[in-house]
Amino acid sequence: MSGSQHRSRTPKKSQAPKARRNLTPPTPPKKDRTGMLRRALTASVFFSLGCGLAFLWAKRKSTKEIEAERVDAESRIGMTPYDELADTYDSLLSQDEVRFGILKQRARLMALATGSVLEISCGTGRNFKYFPDTIRNLVATDCSRSMVDVAETKGKSLNFQFPARYEVMDGSQLGFPDDSFDTVVQTYGICSQKYPEDTLKEMARVCKPTGKILLLEHGRSKWRVVNWYLDRNREQHEEKWGCTWNKDIRQILQDSGLELEETRVNLLGTNFYYVAHPAREE
């Protein structure tokens, strides 16, 4: 052996590999979406309920107001649209009647009245100022108490030169004897009557055989497009005015048995002017 001392090498301890850092971000905890939705809906419901209660509180009515509404509702039982329209009826119609020449037709027709005159469906008395001063007397009737009240007030303000009286009466059941009047008048009444043929027959019954019946009415036209419009809007018009404006006036007059002396049709065939008399025995 050589003189150099043999040195033994101590083996190095093996080092454990370093752990790698986890670079993936931690997963956030799951949110309770169902709970959040439930809380949001609950808050919305309570908010809406609170708003509703606040509105009702602001709109609350006193006992007196509730009682007044109840009395008003009870007073309207059995009322027709004409009862409700009576106070404003003239102002609602005036412009249209001027525009379409209705007032001129009223004046022309009423000028034919003579002797003792009965008016059926007098309404608010829109014909009153056109009756000649030479007639003997006037009886004005309507089925609406409110309309008759307005007509009576108007009649008194006109200072008629003849006696006049006002009665609530159904035109299909007139409380007068046969042959009572020289002239029987009706304007725009057929449209609001359930049984217009019966009313026309009653008019003929109370009219003297030598008397005349004066009618101004509106209804179906001979024009298809006009009838389409009337039919389509019938329900709405009827609800507002109590008027069925698409009745067949020609057919109703034919069924009544009246004899026509003069006929005028205008306003696209929807307006009918008649001078008639009761059927006379041959």
Protein backbone atom coordinates (compact mmCIF):
# COMPACT_ATOMS: atom_id res chain seq x y z
CA MET A 1 0.00 0.00 0.00
CA SER A 2 1.14 3.50 -0.68
CA GLY A 3 1.78 5.88 2.03
CA SER A 4 -1.15 8.07 1.16
CA GLN A 5 -3.95 7.48 3.50
CA HIS A 6 -7.08 6.27 1.94
CA ARG A 7 -10.03 8.56 2.83
CA SER A 8 -13.43 7.08 2.73
CA ARG A 9 -16.22 9.33 1.38
CA THR A 10 -19.34 9.62 3.38
CA PRO A 11 -22.28 9.33 1.03
CA LYS A 12 -24.55 12.46 0.94
CA LYS A 13 -27.98 12.10 2.24
CA SER A 14 -30.54 12.25 -0.51
CA GLN A 15 -32.87 15.27 -0.20
CA ALA A 16 -36.56 14.90 -0.69
CA PRO A 17 -37.81 16.79 -3.74
CA LYS A 18 -39.40 20.14 -2.97
CA ALA A 19 -43.17 20.23 -3.20
CA ARG A 20 -44.42 22.27 -6.13
CA ARG A 21 -46.69 25.23 -5.44
CA ASN A 22 -50.33 24.76 -6.40
CA LEU A 23 -50.96 27.64 -8.75
CA THR A 24 -54.66 26.79 -9.24
CA PRO A 25 -56.85 29.40 -7.42
CA PRO A 26 -58.95 27.99 -4.65
CA THR A 27 -62.54 27.13 -5.54
CA PRO A 28 -64.86 29.68 -3.92
CA PRO A 29 -67.57 28.29 -1.69
CA LYS A 30 -70.84 27.62 -3.51
CA LYS A 31 -73.54 30.27 -3.08
CA ASP A 32 -76.99 29.25 -1.92
CA ARG A 33 -78.80 30.50 -4.99
CA THR A 34 -82.10 28.92 -3.99
CA GLY A 35 -82.06 30.78 -0.70
CA MET A 36 -81.18 34.05 -2.38
CA LEU A 37 -84.05 33.66 -4.84
CA ARG A 38 -86.44 32.84 -2.04
CA ARG A 39 -85.39 35.92 -0.09
CA ALA A 40 -85.71 38.15 -3.16
CA LEU A 41 -89.22 36.87 -3.91
CA THR A 42 -90.28 37.31 -0.30
CA ALA A 43 -89.00 40.88 -0.29
CA SER A 44 -90.83 41.59 -3.57
CA VAL A 45 -94.10 40.20 -2.24
CA PHE A 46 -93.91 42.24 0.96
CA PHE A 47 -92.99 45.36 -1.01
CA SER A 48 -95.97 44.94 -3.36
CA LEU A 49 -98.28 44.20 -0.45
CA GLY A 50 -97.07 47.29 1.35
CA CYS A 51 -97.64 49.47 -1.70
CA GLY A 52 -101.13 48.03 -2.16
CA LEU A 53 -102.08 48.64 1.45
CA ALA A 54 -100.73 52.18 1.26
CA PHE A 55 -102.81 52.82 -1.87
CA LEU A 56 -105.96 51.42 -0.26
CA TRP A 57 -105.37 53.49 2.83
CA ALA A 58 -105.02 56.63 0.75
CA LYS A 59 -108.20 55.76 -1.18
CA ARG A 60 -110.21 54.70 1.86
CA LYS A 61 -113.79 55.95 1.92
CA SER A 62 -115.73 57.21 4.85
CA THR A 63 -118.93 55.54 6.00
CA LYS A 64 -120.91 58.47 4.61
CA GLU A 65 -119.31 58.07 1.17
CA ILE A 66 -120.05 54.35 1.11
CA GLU A 67 -123.66 54.95 2.13
CA ALA A 68 -124.06 57.65 -0.51
CA GLU A 69 -122.77 55.27 -3.21
CA ARG A 70 -125.16 52.56 -2.03
CA VAL A 71 -128.15 54.91 -2.19
CA ASP A 72 -127.08 56.10 -5.66
CA ALA A 73 -126.73 52.51 -6.90
CA GLU A 74 -130.17 51.60 -5.59
CA SER A 75 -131.71 54.68 -7.19
CA ARG A 76 -130.34 53.57 -10.59
CA ILE A 77 -132.06 50.19 -10.51
CA GLY A 78 -134.49 50.08 -13.41
CA MET A 79 -133.07 53.23 -15.00
CA THR A 80 -132.55 53.38 -18.74
CA PRO A 81 -129.63 55.09 -20.50
CA TYR A 82 -132.07 57.93 -21.21
CA ASP A 83 -132.63 58.54 -17.51
CA GLU A 84 -128.89 58.98 -17.07
CA LEU A 85 -128.49 61.08 -20.23
CA ALA A 86 -131.45 63.40 -19.67
CA ASP A 87 -129.54 66.35 -18.20
CA THR A 88 -126.86 66.38 -20.92
CA TYR A 89 -128.86 64.96 -23.84
CA ASP A 90 -129.45 68.25 -25.64
CA SER A 91 -125.84 69.39 -25.42
CA LEU A 92 -124.61 66.00 -26.69
CA LEU A 93 -126.87 66.03 -29.75
CA SER A 94 -127.13 69.67 -30.76
CA GLN A 95 -124.03 69.94 -32.96
CA ASP A 96 -124.67 66.68 -34.80
CA GLU A 97 -128.30 67.59 -35.50
CA VAL A 98 -127.22 70.90 -36.97
CA ARG A 99 -124.41 69.29 -39.00
CA PHE A 100 -126.65 66.59 -40.50
CA GLY A 101 -129.72 68.76 -41.07
CA ILE A 102 -131.87 66.99 -38.46
CA LEU A 103 -133.19 70.24 -36.98
CA LYS A 104 -134.47 71.33 -40.39
CA GLN A 105 -136.29 68.02 -40.77
CA ARG A 106 -137.83 68.39 -37.33
CA ALA A 107 -139.05 71.87 -38.22
CA ARG A 108 -140.50 70.73 -41.57
CA LEU A 109 -142.31 67.78 -40.01
CA MET A 110 -143.72 69.56 -36.93
CA ALA A 111 -145.11 72.33 -39.13
CA LEU A 112 -147.65 69.76 -40.34
CA ALA A 113 -149.12 69.24 -36.86
CA THR A 114 -152.70 70.41 -36.38
CA GLY A 115 -155.45 70.20 -33.79
CA SER A 116 -154.91 68.06 -30.71
CA VAL A 117 -151.36 66.67 -30.78
CA LEU A 118 -149.83 63.67 -29.04
CA GLU A 119 -146.07 63.18 -29.06
CA ILE A 120 -144.67 59.74 -28.24
CA SER A 121 -141.04 59.41 -27.08
CA CYS A 122 -140.85 63.16 -26.59
CA GLY A 123 -137.45 62.90 -24.90
CA THR A 124 -136.26 66.28 -23.71
CA GLY A 125 -138.71 68.11 -25.95
CA ARG A 126 -136.45 68.71 -28.93
CA ASN A 127 -139.50 69.19 -31.17
CA PHE A 128 -141.35 71.62 -28.90
CA LYS A 129 -140.15 74.88 -30.45
CA TYR A 130 -141.26 73.74 -33.91
CA PHE A 131 -144.94 73.11 -33.11
CA PRO A 132 -147.22 75.77 -34.66
CA ASP A 133 -148.93 78.09 -32.21
CA THR A 134 -152.17 77.18 -33.95
CA ILE A 135 -152.44 73.63 -32.55
CA ARG A 136 -155.20 73.12 -29.99
CA ASN A 137 -153.19 71.33 -27.30
CA LEU A 138 -150.16 69.09 -26.76
CA VAL A 139 -149.72 65.91 -24.74
CA ALA A 140 -146.06 64.87 -24.50
CA THR A 141 -145.17 61.38 -23.27
CA ASP A 142 -142.03 59.34 -22.72
CA CYS A 143 -141.15 56.18 -20.81
CA SER A 144 -138.28 57.97 -19.02
CA ARG A 145 -139.27 60.08 -16.01
CA SER A 146 -136.03 62.06 -16.21
CA MET A 147 -136.64 62.91 -19.86
CA VAL A 148 -140.21 64.02 -19.13
CA ASP A 149 -139.00 66.26 -16.31
CA VAL A 150 -136.55 68.00 -18.64
CA ALA A 151 -139.22 68.28 -21.35
CA GLU A 152 -141.70 69.83 -18.94
CA THR A 153 -139.17 72.43 -17.80
CA LYS A 154 -138.39 73.26 -21.42
CA GLY A 155 -142.07 73.45 -22.37
CA LYS A 156 -142.83 75.91 -19.59
CA SER A 157 -139.89 78.09 -20.62
CA LEU A 158 -141.24 78.31 -24.20
CA ASN A 159 -144.53 79.88 -23.06
CA PHE A 160 -146.72 77.83 -25.41
CA GLN A 161 -149.81 79.52 -26.81
CA PHE A 162 -151.70 76.28 -26.22
CA PRO A 163 -152.25 73.98 -23.21
CA ALA A 164 -149.63 71.28 -22.67
CA ARG A 165 -149.28 68.39 -20.30
CA TYR A 166 -146.54 65.83 -19.73
CA GLU A 167 -146.87 62.17 -18.80
CA VAL A 168 -144.64 59.16 -18.26
CA MET A 169 -146.08 56.48 -20.51
CA ASP A 170 -145.03 53.45 -22.54
CA GLY A 171 -145.69 54.09 -26.21
CA SER A 172 -146.76 50.49 -26.75
CA GLN A 173 -149.53 50.85 -24.11
CA LEU A 174 -151.05 54.29 -24.48
CA GLY A 175 -153.66 55.24 -21.91
CA PHE A 176 -155.94 57.14 -24.28
CA PRO A 177 -159.25 56.24 -25.95
CA ASP A 178 -159.46 55.45 -29.66
CA ASP A 179 -159.50 58.37 -32.08
CA SER A 180 -158.33 60.92 -29.49
CA PHE A 181 -155.83 63.03 -31.47
CA ASP A 182 -155.62 64.85 -34.77
CA THR A 183 -151.85 64.44 -34.99
CA VAL A 184 -149.59 61.82 -33.45
CA VAL A 185 -145.84 62.43 -33.56
CA GLN A 186 -142.73 60.37 -32.90
CA THR A 187 -139.13 61.23 -33.73
CA TYR A 188 -136.27 58.79 -33.23
CA GLY A 189 -138.27 56.49 -31.01
CA ILE A 190 -138.33 53.20 -32.93
CA CYS A 191 -134.61 52.66 -32.34
CA SER A 192 -135.12 52.50 -28.57
CA GLN A 193 -138.33 50.45 -28.46
CA LYS A 194 -138.44 46.72 -27.88
CA TYR A 195 -141.71 46.32 -29.79
CA PRO A 196 -141.88 49.24 -32.23
CA GLU A 197 -144.67 47.66 -34.29
CA ASP A 198 -146.91 47.70 -31.20
CA THR A 199 -146.12 51.38 -30.62
CA LEU A 200 -146.99 52.28 -34.22
CA LYS A 201 -150.26 50.37 -33.95
CA GLU A 202 -151.08 52.23 -30.74
CA MET A 203 -150.33 55.51 -32.48
CA ALA A 204 -152.76 54.54 -35.23
CA ARG A 205 -155.39 53.53 -32.67
CA VAL A 206 -155.42 56.87 -30.83
CA CYS A 207 -155.19 58.90 -34.06
CA LYS A 208 -158.44 60.02 -35.63
CA PRO A 209 -159.23 58.35 -38.99
CA THR A 210 -158.79 61.71 -40.71
CA GLY A 211 -155.68 62.56 -38.71
CA LYS A 212 -152.00 62.13 -39.52
CA ILE A 213 -148.98 60.39 -38.05
CA LEU A 214 -145.62 62.14 -38.31
CA LEU A 215 -142.44 60.07 -38.03
CA LEU A 216 -138.73 60.83 -38.19
CA GLU A 217 -136.61 57.71 -37.64
CA HIS A 218 -133.23 56.18 -38.40
CA GLY A 219 -132.13 52.63 -39.18
CA ARG A 220 -130.69 50.28 -41.79
CA SER A 221 -129.61 51.58 -45.16
CA LYS A 222 -129.78 50.02 -48.61
CA TRP A 223 -126.00 50.43 -48.77
CA ARG A 224 -124.15 47.29 -47.70
CA VAL A 225 -121.06 49.12 -46.43
CA VAL A 226 -123.21 51.41 -44.25
CA ASN A 227 -125.03 48.43 -42.76
CA TRP A 228 -121.70 46.74 -42.10
CA TYR A 229 -120.67 49.74 -40.00
CA LEU A 230 -124.01 49.89 -38.18
CA ASP A 231 -123.94 46.18 -37.41
CA ARG A 232 -120.35 46.19 -36.24
CA ASN A 233 -120.88 49.10 -33.83
CA ARG A 234 -124.43 48.30 -32.75
CA GLU A 235 -123.61 46.94 -29.30
CA GLN A 236 -121.33 49.82 -28.35
CA HIS A 237 -123.83 52.42 -29.60
CA GLU A 238 -126.71 50.69 -27.86
CA GLU A 239 -124.88 50.59 -24.54
CA LYS A 240 -124.12 54.30 -24.66
CA TRP A 241 -127.36 55.66 -26.12
CA GLY A 242 -129.98 52.96 -25.57
CA CYS A 243 -130.47 53.05 -29.33
CA THR A 244 -130.42 50.08 -31.72
CA TRP A 245 -129.50 51.98 -34.85
CA ASN A 246 -129.60 49.12 -37.35
CA LYS A 247 -133.31 48.26 -37.23
CA ASP A 248 -135.09 47.76 -40.55
CA ILE A 249 -137.37 50.81 -40.52
CA ARG A 250 -138.94 50.03 -43.89
CA GLN A 251 -139.99 46.58 -42.75
CA ILE A 252 -141.28 47.86 -39.42
CA LEU A 253 -143.43 50.48 -41.15
CA GLN A 254 -144.75 47.86 -43.56
CA ASP A 255 -145.68 45.53 -40.69
CA SER A 256 -147.43 48.33 -38.79
CA GLY A 257 -150.20 48.69 -41.34
CA LEU A 258 -149.83 52.47 -41.62
CA GLU A 259 -150.54 54.08 -44.96
CA LEU A 260 -147.75 56.37 -46.14
CA GLU A 261 -148.47 59.70 -47.76
CA GLU A 262 -144.94 61.05 -48.03
CA THR A 263 -141.50 59.47 -47.65
CA ARG A 264 -138.07 61.07 -47.64
CA VAL A 265 -134.82 59.14 -47.13
CA ASN A 266 -131.41 60.75 -46.67
CA LEU A 267 -128.09 60.51 -44.82
CA LEU A 268 -126.85 57.53 -46.83
CA GLY A 269 -130.24 55.89 -46.59
CA THR A 270 -130.31 55.78 -42.79
CA ASN A 271 -132.73 58.64 -42.02
CA PHE A 272 -136.46 58.29 -42.70
CA TYR A 273 -139.08 61.06 -42.85
CA TYR A 274 -142.68 59.83 -43.02
CA VAL A 275 -146.10 61.43 -43.18
CA ALA A 276 -148.68 58.68 -42.69
CA HIS A 277 -152.21 58.02 -41.50
CA PRO A 278 -154.09 55.06 -40.01
CA ALA A 279 -155.25 52.43 -42.43
CA ARG A 280 -158.69 53.42 -43.69
CA GLU A 281 -161.45 50.98 -44.32
CA GLU A 282 -162.50 50.84 -47.95
